[in-house]
Amino acid sequence: MTPLYTDSCLAFQIEGQDIKGRIIRLDTCLNNVLDKHGYPDDVKLELGQAMALTALLGSMMKYNGILTLQMKSDGKIQTLVSDFYTDGAGDGVIRGYAGLDQDKTPLLGEGQLVITMDQGQYMDRYQGIVKLKNHSLKESAEEYFRTSEQLPTHLVLSCDKGPDGRLRAAAIMIQHLARGTSEEVPEENQTEDQWNTATILLASVKPEELLDAKLSLQDLLLRLYHDSGVRVFTTTEMHTGCRCSEKKLHTVLSGFTTEELQDCAEDGIITMTCEFCSTNHKFELKNLIH
């Protein structure tokens, strides 16, 4: 039986072509995050797409690190943050949250998309910033690739409820690899035709196919690119988790003045709530003042 690879990201390449890609579908991971928040349905769908994109991009990192996707807008979603980091076993850990202004419309207004990649000691920290294009995460992400990686990139994002009532999110991306300058013109023309064909086929994928829990990711890729064939490479398993800790929050509070700490306290207790996991961390004021 073919593995479904739900809550996994697959890297692939179209056989014999300079086109690579990634495909991901989130189920349990997504619902574990959304169940902690009472977001409206339209916000859940936007956050779901953002988490799928974040996990897809994070799986591309060469070294262990953290990839953060952040959107800021003057619409209903004021702030949306999703991040991905690698655990000790090589799996991906994702989380996300949204800050809202319920009185605003549209869902995403004018603003910006920021993608930050921190791979620790191995590589310099990188940050790419683009304007939100046409109030669309998909179009903004494609603009990020054009300006930051300078690789032709096409992306399909989807998030919706399935027949069983569970939310699922998915993303598929293809990129045209750079070729050497010594390539002959006929080969360049052939490569351009291959890219155009792959783009058209990608645009034909239906949301219900991407989100179908019974359709394996490999079979979906073969549906799209059966004429050329597809080679699947690494698989990154996805989990949910949060990096908040009392130690980190205690360090934050240690930078406050006594007066600021007293203003934050209620009945001698300071409560700090993690935006991601909604966990309440409580600190006794007397233990913070020296």
C-alpha atoms as a PDB file:
ATOM      1  CA  MET A   1       0.000   0.000   0.000  1.00  0.00           C
ATOM      2  CA  THR A   2       1.367   3.427  -0.955  1.00  0.00           C
ATOM      3  CA  PRO A   3       2.062   5.650   2.081  1.00  0.00           C
ATOM      4  CA  LEU A   4      -0.168   8.721   2.195  1.00  0.00           C
ATOM      5  CA  TYR A   5       2.540  10.915   3.758  1.00  0.00           C
ATOM      6  CA  THR A   6       0.020  13.087   5.589  1.00  0.00           C
ATOM      7  CA  ASP A   7       1.793  15.604   7.845  1.00  0.00           C
ATOM      8  CA  SER A   8       4.852  15.133   5.649  1.00  0.00           C
ATOM      9  CA  CYS A   9       6.690  17.095   2.985  1.00  0.00           C
ATOM     10  CA  LEU A  10       8.098  15.334  -0.091  1.00  0.00           C
ATOM     11  CA  ALA A  11      10.889  16.703  -2.250  1.00  0.00           C
ATOM     12  CA  PHE A  12      10.681  15.704  -5.922  1.00  0.00           C
ATOM     13  CA  GLN A  13      12.094  16.340  -9.361  1.00  0.00           C
ATOM     14  CA  ILE A  14      10.481  15.844 -12.758  1.00  0.00           C
ATOM     15  CA  GLU A  15      12.491  13.145 -14.526  1.00  0.00           C
ATOM     16  CA  GLY A  16      15.029  14.406 -17.050  1.00  0.00           C
ATOM     17  CA  GLN A  17      14.175  18.056 -16.436  1.00  0.00           C
ATOM     18  CA  ASP A  18      15.666  20.965 -14.531  1.00  0.00           C
ATOM     19  CA  ILE A  19      12.534  21.303 -12.428  1.00  0.00           C
ATOM     20  CA  LYS A  20      12.430  20.505  -8.729  1.00  0.00           C
ATOM     21  CA  GLY A  21       9.566  20.808  -6.307  1.00  0.00           C
ATOM     22  CA  ARG A  22       8.022  20.112  -2.932  1.00  0.00           C
ATOM     23  CA  ILE A  23       4.577  18.980  -1.876  1.00  0.00           C
ATOM     24  CA  ILE A  24       3.064  18.947   1.612  1.00  0.00           C
ATOM     25  CA  ARG A  25      -0.241  18.116   3.274  1.00  0.00           C
ATOM     26  CA  LEU A  26      -1.073  18.937   6.905  1.00  0.00           C
ATOM     27  CA  ASP A  27      -3.850  17.319   8.920  1.00  0.00           C
ATOM     28  CA  THR A  28      -3.181  16.472  12.555  1.00  0.00           C
ATOM     29  CA  CYS A  29      -0.511  19.185  12.827  1.00  0.00           C
ATOM     30  CA  LEU A  30      -2.917  21.830  11.575  1.00  0.00           C
ATOM     31  CA  ASN A  31      -5.808  20.821  13.805  1.00  0.00           C
ATOM     32  CA  ASN A  32      -3.565  20.588  16.860  1.00  0.00           C
ATOM     33  CA  VAL A  33      -2.715  24.271  16.384  1.00  0.00           C
ATOM     34  CA  LEU A  34      -6.152  25.576  15.392  1.00  0.00           C
ATOM     35  CA  ASP A  35      -7.927  23.719  18.201  1.00  0.00           C
ATOM     36  CA  LYS A  36      -6.083  25.943  20.692  1.00  0.00           C
ATOM     37  CA  HIS A  37      -7.641  29.110  19.256  1.00  0.00           C
ATOM     38  CA  GLY A  38     -11.176  30.269  18.551  1.00  0.00           C
ATOM     39  CA  TYR A  39     -10.437  31.896  15.216  1.00  0.00           C
ATOM     40  CA  PRO A  40     -13.204  32.558  12.651  1.00  0.00           C
ATOM     41  CA  ASP A  41     -13.243  30.118   9.728  1.00  0.00           C
ATOM     42  CA  ASP A  42     -11.722  32.559   7.227  1.00  0.00           C
ATOM     43  CA  VAL A  43      -8.778  33.184   9.564  1.00  0.00           C
ATOM     44  CA  LYS A  44      -8.294  29.441  10.110  1.00  0.00           C
ATOM     45  CA  LEU A  45      -8.043  28.900   6.350  1.00  0.00           C
ATOM     46  CA  GLU A  46      -5.480  31.691   5.959  1.00  0.00           C
ATOM     47  CA  LEU A  47      -3.390  30.439   8.875  1.00  0.00           C
ATOM     48  CA  GLY A  48      -3.609  26.914   7.487  1.00  0.00           C
ATOM     49  CA  GLN A  49      -2.185  28.023   4.151  1.00  0.00           C
ATOM     50  CA  ALA A  50       0.553  29.962   5.928  1.00  0.00           C
ATOM     51  CA  MET A  51       1.526  26.945   8.039  1.00  0.00           C
ATOM     52  CA  ALA A  52       1.677  24.699   4.970  1.00  0.00           C
ATOM     53  CA  LEU A  53       3.882  27.213   3.166  1.00  0.00           C
ATOM     54  CA  THR A  54       6.101  27.695   6.222  1.00  0.00           C
ATOM     55  CA  ALA A  55       6.647  23.958   6.640  1.00  0.00           C
ATOM     56  CA  LEU A  56       7.330  23.545   2.921  1.00  0.00           C
ATOM     57  CA  LEU A  57       9.937  26.325   2.933  1.00  0.00           C
ATOM     58  CA  GLY A  58      11.442  25.182   6.212  1.00  0.00           C
ATOM     59  CA  SER A  59      11.987  21.676   4.863  1.00  0.00           C
ATOM     60  CA  MET A  60      14.311  23.202   2.250  1.00  0.00           C
ATOM     61  CA  MET A  61      16.859  24.382   4.823  1.00  0.00           C
ATOM     62  CA  LYS A  62      20.214  22.647   4.485  1.00  0.00           C
ATOM     63  CA  TYR A  63      20.998  22.808   8.187  1.00  0.00           C
ATOM     64  CA  ASN A  64      19.002  22.703  11.393  1.00  0.00           C
ATOM     65  CA  GLY A  65      17.451  26.062  12.066  1.00  0.00           C
ATOM     66  CA  ILE A  66      14.303  28.157  12.306  1.00  0.00           C
ATOM     67  CA  LEU A  67      12.264  29.586   9.445  1.00  0.00           C
ATOM     68  CA  THR A  68       9.676  32.202  10.368  1.00  0.00           C
ATOM     69  CA  LEU A  69       6.923  33.532   8.125  1.00  0.00           C
ATOM     70  CA  GLN A  70       5.231  36.720   9.279  1.00  0.00           C
ATOM     71  CA  MET A  71       2.479  38.744   7.656  1.00  0.00           C
ATOM     72  CA  LYS A  72       1.452  42.206   8.808  1.00  0.00           C
ATOM     73  CA  SER A  73      -1.522  43.995   7.329  1.00  0.00           C
ATOM     74  CA  ASP A  74      -4.090  46.683   8.028  1.00  0.00           C
ATOM     75  CA  GLY A  75      -6.921  44.211   7.435  1.00  0.00           C
ATOM     76  CA  LYS A  76      -8.764  41.836   9.739  1.00  0.00           C
ATOM     77  CA  ILE A  77      -5.550  39.844  10.193  1.00  0.00           C
ATOM     78  CA  GLN A  78      -3.211  42.368  11.757  1.00  0.00           C
ATOM     79  CA  THR A  79      -0.426  39.883  12.361  1.00  0.00           C
ATOM     80  CA  LEU A  80       0.048  36.264  11.354  1.00  0.00           C
ATOM     81  CA  VAL A  81       3.110  34.301  12.422  1.00  0.00           C
ATOM     82  CA  SER A  82       4.084  30.736  11.596  1.00  0.00           C
ATOM     83  CA  ASP A  83       7.433  29.092  12.155  1.00  0.00           C
ATOM     84  CA  PHE A  84       9.255  25.841  11.502  1.00  0.00           C
ATOM     85  CA  TYR A  85      12.256  24.363  13.248  1.00  0.00           C
ATOM     86  CA  THR A  86      14.040  21.044  13.052  1.00  0.00           C
ATOM     87  CA  ASP A  87      14.183  18.739  16.034  1.00  0.00           C
ATOM     88  CA  GLY A  88      17.017  16.396  16.924  1.00  0.00           C
ATOM     89  CA  ALA A  89      15.570  13.574  14.802  1.00  0.00           C
ATOM     90  CA  GLY A  90      15.444  15.633  11.612  1.00  0.00           C
ATOM     91  CA  ASP A  91      11.675  16.106  11.688  1.00  0.00           C
ATOM     92  CA  GLY A  92       9.986  19.476  11.349  1.00  0.00           C
ATOM     93  CA  VAL A  93       8.091  21.187  14.183  1.00  0.00           C
ATOM     94  CA  ILE A  94       5.542  23.848  13.244  1.00  0.00           C
ATOM     95  CA  ARG A  95       3.307  26.301  15.071  1.00  0.00           C
ATOM     96  CA  GLY A  96       1.330  29.436  14.272  1.00  0.00           C
ATOM     97  CA  TYR A  97      -1.026  32.142  15.504  1.00  0.00           C
ATOM     98  CA  ALA A  98      -2.912  35.199  14.252  1.00  0.00           C
ATOM     99  CA  GLY A  99      -3.598  38.591  15.830  1.00  0.00           C
ATOM    100  CA  LEU A 100      -6.941  40.030  14.737  1.00  0.00           C
ATOM    101  CA  ASP A 101      -8.967  43.201  14.508  1.00  0.00           C
ATOM    102  CA  GLN A 102     -12.485  41.866  14.006  1.00  0.00           C
ATOM    103  CA  ASP A 103     -13.813  45.256  12.894  1.00  0.00           C
ATOM    104  CA  LYS A 104     -11.505  45.474   9.871  1.00  0.00           C
ATOM    105  CA  THR A 105     -11.976  44.324   6.273  1.00  0.00           C
ATOM    106  CA  PRO A 106     -10.684  42.766   4.067  1.00  0.00           C
ATOM    107  CA  LEU A 107      -9.075  39.696   5.627  1.00  0.00           C
ATOM    108  CA  LEU A 108      -5.623  40.809   4.431  1.00  0.00           C
ATOM    109  CA  GLY A 109      -5.153  44.473   3.672  1.00  0.00           C
ATOM    110  CA  GLU A 110      -2.075  46.417   2.695  1.00  0.00           C
ATOM    111  CA  GLY A 111       1.055  45.183   4.390  1.00  0.00           C
ATOM    112  CA  GLN A 112       4.101  42.994   4.030  1.00  0.00           C
ATOM    113  CA  LEU A 113       5.321  39.412   4.079  1.00  0.00           C
ATOM    114  CA  VAL A 114       8.557  38.748   5.957  1.00  0.00           C
ATOM    115  CA  ILE A 115      10.430  35.442   5.743  1.00  0.00           C
ATOM    116  CA  THR A 116      13.360  34.976   8.117  1.00  0.00           C
ATOM    117  CA  MET A 117      15.766  32.042   8.006  1.00  0.00           C
ATOM    118  CA  ASP A 118      18.210  31.382  10.846  1.00  0.00           C
ATOM    119  CA  GLN A 119      20.426  28.305  10.421  1.00  0.00           C
ATOM    120  CA  GLY A 120      22.639  29.023  13.376  1.00  0.00           C
ATOM    121  CA  GLN A 121      26.410  28.907  13.130  1.00  0.00           C
ATOM    122  CA  TYR A 122      26.458  27.400   9.640  1.00  0.00           C
ATOM    123  CA  MET A 123      24.992  30.267   7.647  1.00  0.00           C
ATOM    124  CA  ASP A 124      24.262  33.972   7.987  1.00  0.00           C
ATOM    125  CA  ARG A 125      20.782  34.909   9.140  1.00  0.00           C
ATOM    126  CA  TYR A 126      18.663  35.864   6.145  1.00  0.00           C
ATOM    127  CA  GLN A 127      15.507  37.965   5.911  1.00  0.00           C
ATOM    128  CA  GLY A 128      13.407  38.701   2.835  1.00  0.00           C
ATOM    129  CA  ILE A 129      10.616  41.306   2.802  1.00  0.00           C
ATOM    130  CA  VAL A 130       7.991  41.849   0.100  1.00  0.00           C
ATOM    131  CA  LYS A 131       4.741  43.780  -0.001  1.00  0.00           C
ATOM    132  CA  LEU A 132       1.522  41.801   0.269  1.00  0.00           C
ATOM    133  CA  LYS A 133       0.545  41.397  -3.353  1.00  0.00           C
ATOM    134  CA  ASN A 134      -3.165  41.595  -4.214  1.00  0.00           C
ATOM    135  CA  HIS A 135      -4.021  40.642  -0.612  1.00  0.00           C
ATOM    136  CA  SER A 136      -2.772  37.133  -1.436  1.00  0.00           C
ATOM    137  CA  LEU A 137      -0.284  34.952   0.451  1.00  0.00           C
ATOM    138  CA  LYS A 138       0.323  32.859  -2.680  1.00  0.00           C
ATOM    139  CA  GLU A 139       1.153  35.827  -4.913  1.00  0.00           C
ATOM    140  CA  SER A 140       3.261  37.444  -2.200  1.00  0.00           C
ATOM    141  CA  ALA A 141       5.241  34.222  -1.728  1.00  0.00           C
ATOM    142  CA  GLU A 142       5.879  33.936  -5.473  1.00  0.00           C
ATOM    143  CA  GLU A 143       7.084  37.543  -5.443  1.00  0.00           C
ATOM    144  CA  TYR A 144       9.440  36.649  -2.591  1.00  0.00           C
ATOM    145  CA  PHE A 145      10.994  33.899  -4.714  1.00  0.00           C
ATOM    146  CA  ARG A 146      11.360  36.201  -7.711  1.00  0.00           C
ATOM    147  CA  THR A 147      13.150  38.886  -5.714  1.00  0.00           C
ATOM    148  CA  SER A 148      15.053  36.800  -3.158  1.00  0.00           C
ATOM    149  CA  GLU A 149      16.005  33.538  -4.844  1.00  0.00           C
ATOM    150  CA  GLN A 150      15.645  34.742  -8.433  1.00  0.00           C
ATOM    151  CA  LEU A 151      14.325  31.341  -9.437  1.00  0.00           C
ATOM    152  CA  PRO A 152      11.148  31.009 -11.521  1.00  0.00           C
ATOM    153  CA  THR A 153       8.653  29.573  -9.029  1.00  0.00           C
ATOM    154  CA  HIS A 154       4.999  28.570  -9.114  1.00  0.00           C
ATOM    155  CA  LEU A 155       2.971  27.701  -6.058  1.00  0.00           C
ATOM    156  CA  VAL A 156      -0.467  26.304  -5.248  1.00  0.00           C
ATOM    157  CA  LEU A 157      -1.889  26.687  -1.726  1.00  0.00           C
ATOM    158  CA  SER A 158      -5.125  25.337  -0.321  1.00  0.00           C
ATOM    159  CA  CYS A 159      -6.859  24.925   3.022  1.00  0.00           C
ATOM    160  CA  ASP A 160     -10.414  23.753   3.635  1.00  0.00           C
ATOM    161  CA  LYS A 161     -12.616  21.355   5.582  1.00  0.00           C
ATOM    162  CA  GLY A 162     -12.913  17.816   4.301  1.00  0.00           C
ATOM    163  CA  PRO A 163     -16.054  15.666   4.204  1.00  0.00           C
ATOM    164  CA  ASP A 164     -15.208  14.510   7.730  1.00  0.00           C
ATOM    165  CA  GLY A 165     -15.226  18.098   9.005  1.00  0.00           C
ATOM    166  CA  ARG A 166     -11.471  18.188   9.655  1.00  0.00           C
ATOM    167  CA  LEU A 167      -9.393  21.030   8.313  1.00  0.00           C
ATOM    168  CA  ARG A 168      -6.500  20.191   6.004  1.00  0.00           C
ATOM    169  CA  ALA A 169      -3.914  22.404   4.356  1.00  0.00           C
ATOM    170  CA  ALA A 170      -1.632  21.636   1.433  1.00  0.00           C
ATOM    171  CA  ALA A 171       0.920  23.257  -0.820  1.00  0.00           C
ATOM    172  CA  ILE A 172       2.831  22.262  -3.932  1.00  0.00           C
ATOM    173  CA  MET A 173       5.679  24.252  -5.479  1.00  0.00           C
ATOM    174  CA  ILE A 174       7.882  23.861  -8.541  1.00  0.00           C
ATOM    175  CA  GLN A 175      11.065  25.779  -9.320  1.00  0.00           C
ATOM    176  CA  HIS A 176      13.100  26.090 -12.499  1.00  0.00           C
ATOM    177  CA  LEU A 177      16.741  25.373 -11.713  1.00  0.00           C
ATOM    178  CA  ALA A 178      19.418  27.680 -13.061  1.00  0.00           C
ATOM    179  CA  ARG A 179      21.372  26.331 -16.027  1.00  0.00           C
ATOM    180  CA  GLY A 180      24.960  26.950 -17.033  1.00  0.00           C
ATOM    181  CA  THR A 181      25.773  29.658 -19.551  1.00  0.00           C
ATOM    182  CA  SER A 182      27.359  27.115 -21.912  1.00  0.00           C
ATOM    183  CA  GLU A 183      24.039  25.440 -22.745  1.00  0.00           C
ATOM    184  CA  GLU A 184      23.141  25.421 -26.428  1.00  0.00           C
ATOM    185  CA  VAL A 185      20.143  27.388 -27.675  1.00  0.00           C
ATOM    186  CA  PRO A 186      18.083  24.296 -28.735  1.00  0.00           C
ATOM    187  CA  GLU A 187      18.450  22.897 -25.225  1.00  0.00           C
ATOM    188  CA  GLU A 188      17.427  26.249 -23.751  1.00  0.00           C
ATOM    189  CA  ASN A 189      14.316  26.265 -25.921  1.00  0.00           C
ATOM    190  CA  GLN A 190      13.499  22.719 -24.871  1.00  0.00           C
ATOM    191  CA  THR A 191      13.969  23.630 -21.225  1.00  0.00           C
ATOM    192  CA  GLU A 192      11.649  26.611 -21.580  1.00  0.00           C
ATOM    193  CA  ASP A 193       8.981  24.398 -23.160  1.00  0.00           C
ATOM    194  CA  GLN A 194       9.340  21.903 -20.305  1.00  0.00           C
ATOM    195  CA  TRP A 195       8.911  24.676 -17.739  1.00  0.00           C
ATOM    196  CA  ASN A 196       5.838  26.054 -19.491  1.00  0.00           C
ATOM    197  CA  THR A 197       4.287  22.579 -19.623  1.00  0.00           C
ATOM    198  CA  ALA A 198       5.047  21.897 -15.962  1.00  0.00           C
ATOM    199  CA  THR A 199       3.496  25.250 -15.021  1.00  0.00           C
ATOM    200  CA  ILE A 200       0.310  24.536 -16.956  1.00  0.00           C
ATOM    201  CA  LEU A 201       0.001  21.100 -15.380  1.00  0.00           C
ATOM    202  CA  LEU A 202       0.538  22.510 -11.900  1.00  0.00           C
ATOM    203  CA  ALA A 203      -2.225  25.064 -12.471  1.00  0.00           C
ATOM    204  CA  SER A 204      -4.588  22.180 -13.287  1.00  0.00           C
ATOM    205  CA  VAL A 205      -4.404  20.658  -9.809  1.00  0.00           C
ATOM    206  CA  LYS A 206      -7.702  20.944  -7.959  1.00  0.00           C
ATOM    207  CA  PRO A 207      -8.007  21.906  -4.273  1.00  0.00           C
ATOM    208  CA  GLU A 208      -9.959  18.726  -3.568  1.00  0.00           C
ATOM    209  CA  GLU A 209      -7.042  16.686  -4.956  1.00  0.00           C
ATOM    210  CA  LEU A 210      -4.473  18.484  -2.831  1.00  0.00           C
ATOM    211  CA  LEU A 211      -6.582  18.026   0.297  1.00  0.00           C
ATOM    212  CA  ASP A 212      -7.839  14.483  -0.353  1.00  0.00           C
ATOM    213  CA  ALA A 213      -6.776  12.467   2.693  1.00  0.00           C
ATOM    214  CA  LYS A 214      -7.141   9.225   0.707  1.00  0.00           C
ATOM    215  CA  LEU A 215      -4.905  10.324  -2.171  1.00  0.00           C
ATOM    216  CA  SER A 216      -1.186   9.822  -1.529  1.00  0.00           C
ATOM    217  CA  LEU A 217       1.160  12.664  -2.369  1.00  0.00           C
ATOM    218  CA  GLN A 218       3.126  10.420  -4.746  1.00  0.00           C
ATOM    219  CA  ASP A 219      -0.007   9.443  -6.666  1.00  0.00           C
ATOM    220  CA  LEU A 220      -0.979  13.091  -6.947  1.00  0.00           C
ATOM    221  CA  LEU A 221       2.439  13.907  -8.405  1.00  0.00           C
ATOM    222  CA  LEU A 222       2.100  11.057 -10.897  1.00  0.00           C
ATOM    223  CA  ARG A 223      -1.318  12.337 -11.944  1.00  0.00           C
ATOM    224  CA  LEU A 224       0.236  15.691 -12.745  1.00  0.00           C
ATOM    225  CA  TYR A 225       3.493  14.586 -14.358  1.00  0.00           C
ATOM    226  CA  HIS A 226       2.876  11.017 -15.529  1.00  0.00           C
ATOM    227  CA  ASP A 227       4.168  11.700 -19.058  1.00  0.00           C
ATOM    228  CA  SER A 228       7.638  12.664 -17.810  1.00  0.00           C
ATOM    229  CA  GLY A 229       7.717  10.750 -14.545  1.00  0.00           C
ATOM    230  CA  VAL A 230       8.590  11.986 -11.074  1.00  0.00           C
ATOM    231  CA  ARG A 231      11.490  11.087  -8.797  1.00  0.00           C
ATOM    232  CA  VAL A 232      10.732  11.494  -5.075  1.00  0.00           C
ATOM    233  CA  PHE A 233      13.597  12.255  -2.693  1.00  0.00           C
ATOM    234  CA  THR A 234      13.657  13.152   0.991  1.00  0.00           C
ATOM    235  CA  THR A 235      10.627  13.073   3.253  1.00  0.00           C
ATOM    236  CA  THR A 236      10.318  15.451   6.209  1.00  0.00           C
ATOM    237  CA  GLU A 237       7.835  14.410   8.880  1.00  0.00           C
ATOM    238  CA  MET A 238       5.912  17.223  10.574  1.00  0.00           C
ATOM    239  CA  HIS A 239       4.870  17.652  14.197  1.00  0.00           C
ATOM    240  CA  THR A 240       3.508  20.469  16.325  1.00  0.00           C
ATOM    241  CA  GLY A 241       5.286  21.916  19.304  1.00  0.00           C
ATOM    242  CA  CYS A 242       6.120  25.156  21.052  1.00  0.00           C
ATOM    243  CA  ARG A 243       9.421  26.602  22.185  1.00  0.00           C
ATOM    244  CA  CYS A 244       7.970  28.732  24.957  1.00  0.00           C
ATOM    245  CA  SER A 245       9.393  28.002  28.402  1.00  0.00           C
ATOM    246  CA  GLU A 246       9.352  29.524  31.844  1.00  0.00           C
ATOM    247  CA  LYS A 247      13.119  29.966  31.654  1.00  0.00           C
ATOM    248  CA  LYS A 248      12.867  32.109  28.516  1.00  0.00           C
ATOM    249  CA  LEU A 249       9.995  34.152  29.911  1.00  0.00           C
ATOM    250  CA  HIS A 250      11.797  34.628  33.213  1.00  0.00           C
ATOM    251  CA  THR A 251      14.714  36.080  31.247  1.00  0.00           C
ATOM    252  CA  VAL A 252      12.325  38.506  29.556  1.00  0.00           C
ATOM    253  CA  LEU A 253      10.836  39.591  32.875  1.00  0.00           C
ATOM    254  CA  SER A 254      14.306  40.109  34.371  1.00  0.00           C
ATOM    255  CA  GLY A 255      14.686  43.063  32.022  1.00  0.00           C
ATOM    256  CA  PHE A 256      11.677  44.854  33.552  1.00  0.00           C
ATOM    257  CA  THR A 257      11.978  47.451  36.293  1.00  0.00           C
ATOM    258  CA  THR A 258      10.352  46.853  39.676  1.00  0.00           C
ATOM    259  CA  GLU A 259       7.643  49.389  38.847  1.00  0.00           C
ATOM    260  CA  GLU A 260       6.892  47.697  35.529  1.00  0.00           C
ATOM    261  CA  LEU A 261       6.673  44.299  37.206  1.00  0.00           C
ATOM    262  CA  GLN A 262       4.285  45.645  39.832  1.00  0.00           C
ATOM    263  CA  ASP A 263       2.075  47.117  37.097  1.00  0.00           C
ATOM    264  CA  CYS A 264       1.921  43.701  35.377  1.00  0.00           C
ATOM    265  CA  ALA A 265       1.090  41.762  38.515  1.00  0.00           C
ATOM    266  CA  GLU A 266      -2.358  40.864  39.781  1.00  0.00           C
ATOM    267  CA  ASP A 267      -2.633  39.629  43.362  1.00  0.00           C
ATOM    268  CA  GLY A 268       1.131  39.140  43.385  1.00  0.00           C
ATOM    269  CA  ILE A 269       1.149  37.003  40.231  1.00  0.00           C
ATOM    270  CA  ILE A 270       2.337  37.865  36.738  1.00  0.00           C
ATOM    271  CA  THR A 271       0.694  35.736  34.038  1.00  0.00           C
ATOM    272  CA  MET A 272       2.264  35.501  30.594  1.00  0.00           C
ATOM    273  CA  THR A 273       0.282  33.705  27.892  1.00  0.00           C
ATOM    274  CA  CYS A 274       2.044  32.209  24.880  1.00  0.00           C
ATOM    275  CA  GLU A 275       0.428  33.430  21.652  1.00  0.00           C
ATOM    276  CA  PHE A 276       1.239  30.140  19.918  1.00  0.00           C
ATOM    277  CA  CYS A 277       0.082  27.450  22.351  1.00  0.00           C
ATOM    278  CA  SER A 278      -2.118  29.528  24.712  1.00  0.00           C
ATOM    279  CA  THR A 279      -0.232  28.181  27.742  1.00  0.00           C
ATOM    280  CA  ASN A 280      -0.397  30.443  30.809  1.00  0.00           C
ATOM    281  CA  HIS A 281       2.942  30.811  32.580  1.00  0.00           C
ATOM    282  CA  LYS A 282       2.633  32.240  36.105  1.00  0.00           C
ATOM    283  CA  PHE A 283       5.371  33.952  38.101  1.00  0.00           C
ATOM    284  CA  GLU A 284       5.248  35.173  41.684  1.00  0.00           C
ATOM    285  CA  LEU A 285       6.135  38.839  41.873  1.00  0.00           C
ATOM    286  CA  LYS A 286       8.177  38.373  45.054  1.00  0.00           C
ATOM    287  CA  ASN A 287      10.518  35.992  43.214  1.00  0.00           C
ATOM    288  CA  LEU A 288      11.186  38.540  40.480  1.00  0.00           C
ATOM    289  CA  ILE A 289      11.990  41.567  42.610  1.00  0.00           C
ATOM    290  CA  HIS A 290      15.425  41.656  44.155  1.00  0.00           C
END
